[in-house]
PDB file of all heavy atoms in Angstrom:
ATOM      1  N   LEU A   1       0.864  -1.241   0.022  1.00  0.00           N
ATOM      2  CA  LEU A   1      -0.050  -0.021  -0.007  1.00  0.00           C
ATOM      3  C   LEU A   1       0.829   1.237   0.030  1.00  0.00           C
ATOM      4  O   LEU A   1       0.720   2.134  -0.847  1.00  0.00           O
ATOM      5  CB  LEU A   1      -0.910   0.038   1.255  1.00  0.00           C
ATOM      6  CG  LEU A   1      -2.252  -0.739   1.105  1.00  0.00           C
ATOM      7  CD1 LEU A   1      -2.947  -0.651   2.529  1.00  0.00           C
ATOM      8  CD2 LEU A   1      -3.081  -0.268   0.023  1.00  0.00           C
ATOM      9  N   LEU A   2       1.740   1.341   1.033  1.00  0.00           N
ATOM     10  CA  LEU A   2       2.437   2.606   1.102  1.00  0.00           C
ATOM     11  C   LEU A   2       3.511   2.767   0.051  1.00  0.00           C
ATOM     12  O   LEU A   2       3.718   3.930  -0.470  1.00  0.00           O
ATOM     13  CB  LEU A   2       3.166   2.592   2.545  1.00  0.00           C
ATOM     14  CG  LEU A   2       4.120   3.818   2.890  1.00  0.00           C
ATOM     15  CD1 LEU A   2       3.351   5.037   2.849  1.00  0.00           C
ATOM     16  CD2 LEU A   2       4.742   3.484   4.218  1.00  0.00           C
ATOM     17  N   GLY A   3       4.244   1.683  -0.243  1.00  0.00           N
ATOM     18  CA  GLY A   3       5.334   1.856  -1.319  1.00  0.00           C
ATOM     19  C   GLY A   3       4.883   1.868  -2.769  1.00  0.00           C
ATOM     20  O   GLY A   3       5.452   2.612  -3.507  1.00  0.00           O
ATOM     21  N   PHE A   4       3.830   1.102  -3.071  1.00  0.00           N
ATOM     22  CA  PHE A   4       3.443   0.951  -4.496  1.00  0.00           C
ATOM     23  C   PHE A   4       2.128   1.698  -4.848  1.00  0.00           C
ATOM     24  O   PHE A   4       1.840   1.817  -6.046  1.00  0.00           O
ATOM     25  CB  PHE A   4       3.298  -0.507  -4.844  1.00  0.00           C
ATOM     26  CG  PHE A   4       4.558  -1.262  -4.780  1.00  0.00           C
ATOM     27  CD1 PHE A   4       4.881  -2.152  -3.738  1.00  0.00           C
ATOM     28  CD2 PHE A   4       5.586  -1.045  -5.665  1.00  0.00           C
ATOM     29  CE1 PHE A   4       6.059  -2.774  -3.601  1.00  0.00           C
ATOM     30  CE2 PHE A   4       6.824  -1.769  -5.579  1.00  0.00           C
ATOM     31  CZ  PHE A   4       7.054  -2.634  -4.614  1.00  0.00           C
ATOM     32  N   THR A   5       1.381   2.225  -3.892  1.00  0.00           N
ATOM     33  CA  THR A   5       0.191   3.040  -4.180  1.00  0.00           C
ATOM     34  C   THR A   5       0.293   4.299  -3.509  1.00  0.00           C
ATOM     35  O   THR A   5      -0.458   5.302  -3.917  1.00  0.00           O
ATOM     36  CB  THR A   5      -1.087   2.238  -3.844  1.00  0.00           C
ATOM     37  OG1 THR A   5      -1.152   2.276  -2.326  1.00  0.00           O
ATOM     38  CG2 THR A   5      -1.164   0.945  -4.386  1.00  0.00           C
ATOM     39  N   GLY A   6       1.190   4.554  -2.565  1.00  0.00           N
ATOM     40  CA  GLY A   6       1.306   5.809  -1.894  1.00  0.00           C
ATOM     41  C   GLY A   6       0.366   6.045  -0.822  1.00  0.00           C
ATOM     42  O   GLY A   6       0.190   7.213  -0.337  1.00  0.00           O
ATOM     43  N   GLN A   7      -0.432   5.029  -0.411  1.00  0.00           N
ATOM     44  CA  GLN A   7      -1.531   5.142   0.611  1.00  0.00           C
ATOM     45  C   GLN A   7      -1.029   4.760   1.967  1.00  0.00           C
ATOM     46  O   GLN A   7      -0.637   3.572   2.116  1.00  0.00           O
ATOM     47  CB  GLN A   7      -2.788   4.385   0.228  1.00  0.00           C
ATOM     48  CG  GLN A   7      -3.310   4.793  -1.113  1.00  0.00           C
ATOM     49  CD  GLN A   7      -3.734   6.283  -1.199  1.00  0.00           C
ATOM     50  OE1 GLN A   7      -4.349   6.801  -0.203  1.00  0.00           O
ATOM     51  NE2 GLN A   7      -3.466   6.954  -2.235  1.00  0.00           N
ATOM     52  N   LEU A   8      -1.055   5.628   2.960  1.00  0.00           N
ATOM     53  CA  LEU A   8      -0.466   5.210   4.284  1.00  0.00           C
ATOM     54  C   LEU A   8      -1.603   4.692   5.169  1.00  0.00           C
ATOM     55  O   LEU A   8      -2.545   5.382   5.430  1.00  0.00           O
ATOM     56  CB  LEU A   8       0.204   6.485   4.984  1.00  0.00           C
ATOM     57  CG  LEU A   8       0.598   6.367   6.437  1.00  0.00           C
ATOM     58  CD1 LEU A   8       1.632   5.294   6.538  1.00  0.00           C
ATOM     59  CD2 LEU A   8       1.155   7.663   6.944  1.00  0.00           C
ATOM     60  N   SER A   9      -1.458   3.513   5.561  1.00  0.00           N
ATOM     61  CA  SER A   9      -2.367   2.891   6.485  1.00  0.00           C
ATOM     62  C   SER A   9      -1.779   2.855   7.878  1.00  0.00           C
ATOM     63  O   SER A   9      -0.789   2.094   8.204  1.00  0.00           O
ATOM     64  CB  SER A   9      -2.781   1.423   6.085  1.00  0.00           C
ATOM     65  OG  SER A   9      -3.499   0.814   7.075  1.00  0.00           O
ATOM     66  N   LEU A  10      -2.366   3.637   8.880  1.00  0.00           N
ATOM     67  CA  LEU A  10      -1.933   3.607  10.239  1.00  0.00           C
ATOM     68  C   LEU A  10      -2.731   2.679  11.103  1.00  0.00           C
ATOM     69  O   LEU A  10      -2.722   2.766  12.258  1.00  0.00           O
ATOM     70  CB  LEU A  10      -1.933   5.048  10.763  1.00  0.00           C
ATOM     71  CG  LEU A  10      -0.861   5.974  10.228  1.00  0.00           C
ATOM     72  CD1 LEU A  10      -0.869   7.299  10.895  1.00  0.00           C
ATOM     73  CD2 LEU A  10       0.653   5.291  10.408  1.00  0.00           C
ATOM     74  N   GLY A  11      -3.580   1.910  10.509  1.00  0.00           N
ATOM     75  CA  GLY A  11      -4.372   0.977  11.178  1.00  0.00           C
ATOM     76  C   GLY A  11      -4.109  -0.489  10.744  1.00  0.00           C
ATOM     77  O   GLY A  11      -4.929  -1.428  10.895  1.00  0.00           O
ATOM     78  N   HIS A  12      -2.954  -0.685  10.107  1.00  0.00           N
ATOM     79  CA  HIS A  12      -2.607  -1.954   9.514  1.00  0.00           C
ATOM     80  C   HIS A  12      -2.500  -3.095  10.540  1.00  0.00           C
ATOM     81  O   HIS A  12      -2.816  -4.288  10.294  1.00  0.00           O
ATOM     82  CB  HIS A  12      -1.300  -1.959   8.796  1.00  0.00           C
ATOM     83  CG  HIS A  12      -1.160  -2.782   7.571  1.00  0.00           C
ATOM     84  ND1 HIS A  12      -2.017  -2.705   6.512  1.00  0.00           N
ATOM     85  CD2 HIS A  12      -0.432  -3.872   7.390  1.00  0.00           C
ATOM     86  CE1 HIS A  12      -1.744  -3.671   5.648  1.00  0.00           C
ATOM     87  NE2 HIS A  12      -0.722  -4.380   6.084  1.00  0.00           N
ATOM     88  N   VAL A  13      -2.285  -2.756  11.864  1.00  0.00           N
ATOM     89  CA  VAL A  13      -2.172  -3.707  12.873  1.00  0.00           C
ATOM     90  C   VAL A  13      -3.556  -4.403  13.121  1.00  0.00           C
ATOM     91  O   VAL A  13      -3.630  -5.545  13.649  1.00  0.00           O
ATOM     92  CB  VAL A  13      -1.669  -3.094  14.229  1.00  0.00           C
ATOM     93  CG1 VAL A  13      -2.756  -2.237  14.808  1.00  0.00           C
ATOM     94  CG2 VAL A  13      -1.293  -4.163  15.169  1.00  0.00           C
ATOM     95  N   ALA A  14      -4.716  -3.767  12.676  1.00  0.00           N
ATOM     96  CA  ALA A  14      -5.991  -4.223  12.822  1.00  0.00           C
ATOM     97  C   ALA A  14      -6.085  -5.641  12.021  1.00  0.00           C
ATOM     98  O   ALA A  14      -6.620  -6.592  12.509  1.00  0.00           O
ATOM     99  CB  ALA A  14      -7.116  -3.373  12.306  1.00  0.00           C
ATOM    100  N   PHE A  15      -5.630  -5.712  10.869  1.00  0.00           N
ATOM    101  CA  PHE A  15      -5.722  -6.858  10.049  1.00  0.00           C
ATOM    102  C   PHE A  15      -4.745  -7.980  10.664  1.00  0.00           C
ATOM    103  O   PHE A  15      -5.066  -9.154  10.727  1.00  0.00           O
ATOM    104  CB  PHE A  15      -5.142  -6.658   8.671  1.00  0.00           C
ATOM    105  CG  PHE A  15      -6.017  -5.554   7.984  1.00  0.00           C
ATOM    106  CD1 PHE A  15      -5.344  -4.412   7.548  1.00  0.00           C
ATOM    107  CD2 PHE A  15      -7.338  -5.661   7.757  1.00  0.00           C
ATOM    108  CE1 PHE A  15      -6.032  -3.371   6.933  1.00  0.00           C
ATOM    109  CE2 PHE A  15      -8.025  -4.657   7.210  1.00  0.00           C
ATOM    110  CZ  PHE A  15      -7.515  -3.549   6.773  1.00  0.00           C
ATOM    111  N   PHE A  16      -3.598  -7.597  11.258  1.00  0.00           N
ATOM    112  CA  PHE A  16      -2.796  -8.497  11.902  1.00  0.00           C
ATOM    113  C   PHE A  16      -3.493  -9.128  13.104  1.00  0.00           C
ATOM    114  O   PHE A  16      -3.389 -10.364  13.343  1.00  0.00           O
ATOM    115  CB  PHE A  16      -1.451  -7.789  12.385  1.00  0.00           C
ATOM    116  CG  PHE A  16      -0.446  -8.567  13.172  1.00  0.00           C
ATOM    117  CD1 PHE A  16       0.234  -9.495  12.557  1.00  0.00           C
ATOM    118  CD2 PHE A  16      -0.303  -8.284  14.551  1.00  0.00           C
ATOM    119  CE1 PHE A  16       1.202 -10.198  13.345  1.00  0.00           C
ATOM    120  CE2 PHE A  16       0.498  -9.063  15.344  1.00  0.00           C
ATOM    121  CZ  PHE A  16       1.281 -10.068  14.658  1.00  0.00           C
ATOM    122  N   GLY A  17      -4.119  -8.385  13.920  1.00  0.00           N
ATOM    123  CA  GLY A  17      -4.790  -8.798  15.067  1.00  0.00           C
ATOM    124  C   GLY A  17      -5.995  -9.626  14.759  1.00  0.00           C
ATOM    125  O   GLY A  17      -6.331 -10.597  15.339  1.00  0.00           O
ATOM    126  N   ILE A  18      -6.787  -9.227  13.720  1.00  0.00           N
ATOM    127  CA  ILE A  18      -7.883 -10.015  13.312  1.00  0.00           C
ATOM    128  C   ILE A  18      -7.521 -11.364  12.867  1.00  0.00           C
ATOM    129  O   ILE A  18      -8.158 -12.360  13.171  1.00  0.00           O
ATOM    130  CB  ILE A  18      -8.705  -9.276  12.143  1.00  0.00           C
ATOM    131  CG1 ILE A  18      -9.397  -7.994  12.618  1.00  0.00           C
ATOM    132  CG2 ILE A  18      -9.729 -10.153  11.428  1.00  0.00           C
ATOM    133  CD1 ILE A  18     -10.000  -7.136  11.667  1.00  0.00           C
ATOM    134  N   GLY A  19      -6.410 -11.407  12.027  1.00  0.00           N
ATOM    135  CA  GLY A  19      -5.908 -12.722  11.701  1.00  0.00           C
ATOM    136  C   GLY A  19      -5.532 -13.746  12.829  1.00  0.00           C
ATOM    137  O   GLY A  19      -5.799 -14.771  12.868  1.00  0.00           O
ATOM    138  N   ALA A  20      -4.933 -12.966  13.872  1.00  0.00           N
ATOM    139  CA  ALA A  20      -4.476 -13.798  15.041  1.00  0.00           C
ATOM    140  C   ALA A  20      -5.799 -14.344  15.717  1.00  0.00           C
ATOM    141  O   ALA A  20      -5.839 -15.535  16.099  1.00  0.00           O
ATOM    142  CB  ALA A  20      -3.699 -12.850  15.971  1.00  0.00           C
ATOM    143  N   TYR A  21      -6.719 -13.514  16.034  1.00  0.00           N
ATOM    144  CA  TYR A  21      -7.955 -13.961  16.725  1.00  0.00           C
ATOM    145  C   TYR A  21      -8.770 -14.961  15.945  1.00  0.00           C
ATOM    146  O   TYR A  21      -9.328 -15.928  16.496  1.00  0.00           O
ATOM    147  CB  TYR A  21      -8.779 -12.670  17.097  1.00  0.00           C
ATOM    148  CG  TYR A  21      -8.438 -12.107  18.437  1.00  0.00           C
ATOM    149  CD1 TYR A  21      -7.646 -11.011  18.526  1.00  0.00           C
ATOM    150  CD2 TYR A  21      -8.867 -12.739  19.631  1.00  0.00           C
ATOM    151  CE1 TYR A  21      -7.343 -10.492  19.770  1.00  0.00           C
ATOM    152  CE2 TYR A  21      -8.507 -12.187  20.847  1.00  0.00           C
ATOM    153  CZ  TYR A  21      -7.815 -11.052  20.990  1.00  0.00           C
ATOM    154  OH  TYR A  21      -7.532 -10.583  22.139  1.00  0.00           O
ATOM    155  N   VAL A  22      -8.985 -14.720  14.613  1.00  0.00           N
ATOM    156  CA  VAL A  22      -9.747 -15.713  13.886  1.00  0.00           C
ATOM    157  C   VAL A  22      -9.090 -17.014  13.859  1.00  0.00           C
ATOM    158  O   VAL A  22      -9.793 -18.059  13.976  1.00  0.00           O
ATOM    159  CB  VAL A  22      -9.932 -15.118  12.321  1.00  0.00           C
ATOM    160  CG1 VAL A  22     -10.507 -16.236  11.384  1.00  0.00           C
ATOM    161  CG2 VAL A  22     -10.818 -13.814  12.378  1.00  0.00           C
ATOM    162  N   SER A  23      -7.826 -17.039  13.575  1.00  0.00           N
ATOM    163  CA  SER A  23      -7.103 -18.393  13.557  1.00  0.00           C
ATOM    164  C   SER A  23      -7.129 -19.051  14.916  1.00  0.00           C
ATOM    165  O   SER A  23      -7.393 -20.255  15.043  1.00  0.00           O
ATOM    166  CB  SER A  23      -5.720 -18.191  13.121  1.00  0.00           C
ATOM    167  OG  SER A  23      -5.016 -19.358  12.798  1.00  0.00           O
ATOM    168  N   ALA A  24      -6.968 -18.258  16.030  1.00  0.00           N
ATOM    169  CA  ALA A  24      -6.889 -18.871  17.376  1.00  0.00           C
ATOM    170  C   ALA A  24      -8.277 -19.375  17.719  1.00  0.00           C
ATOM    171  O   ALA A  24      -8.463 -20.508  18.218  1.00  0.00           O
ATOM    172  CB  ALA A  24      -6.444 -17.848  18.381  1.00  0.00           C
ATOM    173  N   LEU A  25      -9.351 -18.549  17.411  1.00  0.00           N
ATOM    174  CA  LEU A  25     -10.707 -18.982  17.795  1.00  0.00           C
ATOM    175  C   LEU A  25     -11.194 -20.232  17.014  1.00  0.00           C
ATOM    176  O   LEU A  25     -11.936 -21.068  17.462  1.00  0.00           O
ATOM    177  CB  LEU A  25     -11.645 -17.809  17.590  1.00  0.00           C
ATOM    178  CG  LEU A  25     -11.532 -16.678  18.680  1.00  0.00           C
ATOM    179  CD1 LEU A  25     -12.405 -15.480  18.162  1.00  0.00           C
ATOM    180  CD2 LEU A  25     -12.006 -17.117  19.983  1.00  0.00           C
ATOM    181  N   THR A  26     -10.754 -20.310  15.783  1.00  0.00           N
ATOM    182  CA  THR A  26     -11.103 -21.482  14.972  1.00  0.00           C
ATOM    183  C   THR A  26     -10.470 -22.760  15.484  1.00  0.00           C
ATOM    184  O   THR A  26     -11.033 -23.829  15.579  1.00  0.00           O
ATOM    185  CB  THR A  26     -10.578 -21.199  13.476  1.00  0.00           C
ATOM    186  OG1 THR A  26     -11.236 -20.113  12.963  1.00  0.00           O
ATOM    187  CG2 THR A  26     -11.033 -22.488  12.620  1.00  0.00           C
ATOM    188  N   ALA A  27      -9.136 -22.589  16.018  1.00  0.00           N
ATOM    189  CA  ALA A  27      -8.549 -23.789  16.507  1.00  0.00           C
ATOM    190  C   ALA A  27      -9.080 -24.131  17.820  1.00  0.00           C
ATOM    191  O   ALA A  27      -9.112 -25.332  18.259  1.00  0.00           O
ATOM    192  CB  ALA A  27      -7.045 -23.466  16.615  1.00  0.00           C
ATOM    193  N   LEU A  28      -9.342 -23.114  18.706  1.00  0.00           N
ATOM    194  CA  LEU A  28      -9.875 -23.425  20.083  1.00  0.00           C
ATOM    195  C   LEU A  28     -11.346 -23.803  20.151  1.00  0.00           C
ATOM    196  O   LEU A  28     -11.796 -24.503  20.962  1.00  0.00           O
ATOM    197  CB  LEU A  28      -9.582 -22.214  20.942  1.00  0.00           C
ATOM    198  CG  LEU A  28      -8.116 -21.866  21.213  1.00  0.00           C
ATOM    199  CD1 LEU A  28      -8.065 -20.519  21.909  1.00  0.00           C
ATOM    200  CD2 LEU A  28      -7.534 -22.905  22.146  1.00  0.00           C
ATOM    201  N   GLY A  29     -12.117 -23.272  19.206  1.00  0.00           N
ATOM    202  CA  GLY A  29     -13.604 -23.378  19.294  1.00  0.00           C
ATOM    203  C   GLY A  29     -14.222 -22.376  20.288  1.00  0.00           C
ATOM    204  O   GLY A  29     -13.496 -21.855  21.126  1.00  0.00           O
ATOM    205  N   PHE A  30     -15.445 -22.157  20.180  1.00  0.00           N
ATOM    206  CA  PHE A  30     -16.060 -21.152  21.086  1.00  0.00           C
ATOM    207  C   PHE A  30     -17.594 -21.325  20.983  1.00  0.00           C
ATOM    208  O   PHE A  30     -18.160 -21.961  20.033  1.00  0.00           O
ATOM    209  CB  PHE A  30     -15.730 -19.757  20.696  1.00  0.00           C
ATOM    210  CG  PHE A  30     -16.098 -19.316  19.326  1.00  0.00           C
ATOM    211  CD1 PHE A  30     -17.230 -18.736  19.138  1.00  0.00           C
ATOM    212  CD2 PHE A  30     -15.208 -19.528  18.231  1.00  0.00           C
ATOM    213  CE1 PHE A  30     -17.646 -18.339  17.762  1.00  0.00           C
ATOM    214  CE2 PHE A  30     -15.526 -19.138  16.977  1.00  0.00           C
ATOM    215  CZ  PHE A  30     -16.722 -18.535  16.656  1.00  0.00           C
ATOM    216  N   ASP A  31     -18.256 -20.864  22.001  1.00  0.00           N
ATOM    217  CA  ASP A  31     -19.718 -20.654  21.920  1.00  0.00           C
ATOM    218  C   ASP A  31     -20.055 -19.341  22.500  1.00  0.00           C
ATOM    219  O   ASP A  31     -19.498 -18.901  23.467  1.00  0.00           O
ATOM    220  CB  ASP A  31     -20.481 -21.777  22.628  1.00  0.00           C
ATOM    221  CG  ASP A  31     -20.030 -21.779  24.092  1.00  0.00           C
ATOM    222  OD1 ASP A  31     -19.063 -22.426  24.529  1.00  0.00           O
ATOM    223  OD2 ASP A  31     -20.769 -21.200  24.991  1.00  0.00           O
ATOM    224  N   VAL A  32     -20.817 -18.524  21.746  1.00  0.00           N
ATOM    225  CA  VAL A  32     -21.192 -17.149  22.073  1.00  0.00           C
ATOM    226  C   VAL A  32     -22.602 -16.961  21.863  1.00  0.00           C
ATOM    227  O   VAL A  32     -23.210 -17.407  20.908  1.00  0.00           O
ATOM    228  CB  VAL A  32     -20.294 -16.209  21.247  1.00  0.00           C
ATOM    229  CG1 VAL A  32     -20.514 -16.313  19.801  1.00  0.00           C
ATOM    230  CG2 VAL A  32     -20.501 -14.764  21.674  1.00  0.00           C
ATOM    231  N   GLU A  33     -23.232 -16.103  22.733  1.00  0.00           N
ATOM    232  CA  GLU A  33     -24.690 -15.825  22.612  1.00  0.00           C
ATOM    233  C   GLU A  33     -24.837 -14.670  21.650  1.00  0.00           C
ATOM    234  O   GLU A  33     -24.207 -13.637  21.766  1.00  0.00           O
ATOM    235  CB  GLU A  33     -25.271 -15.478  23.960  1.00  0.00           C
ATOM    236  CG  GLU A  33     -26.795 -15.282  23.774  1.00  0.00           C
ATOM    237  CD  GLU A  33     -27.394 -15.081  25.245  1.00  0.00           C
ATOM    238  OE1 GLU A  33     -26.658 -15.355  26.220  1.00  0.00           O
ATOM    239  OE2 GLU A  33     -28.498 -14.728  25.353  1.00  0.00           O
ATOM    240  N   LEU A  34     -25.730 -14.802  20.647  1.00  0.00           N
ATOM    241  CA  LEU A  34     -26.026 -13.780  19.704  1.00  0.00           C
ATOM    242  C   LEU A  34     -27.336 -13.125  19.918  1.00  0.00           C
ATOM    243  O   LEU A  34     -28.124 -13.602  20.892  1.00  0.00           O
ATOM    244  CB  LEU A  34     -26.043 -14.460  18.272  1.00  0.00           C
ATOM    245  CG  LEU A  34     -24.796 -15.114  17.822  1.00  0.00           C
ATOM    246  CD1 LEU A  34     -24.963 -15.745  16.401  1.00  0.00           C
ATOM    247  CD2 LEU A  34     -23.604 -14.095  17.766  1.00  0.00           C
TER     248      LEU A  34
END
């Protein structure tokens, strides 16, 4: 993004964290009330 399109993302860590939580919750399993 920053180098090849010139767009600065200062929230890039959000995707890093989402990937961590999605992968961890898939492996651990969960039950949540909707």
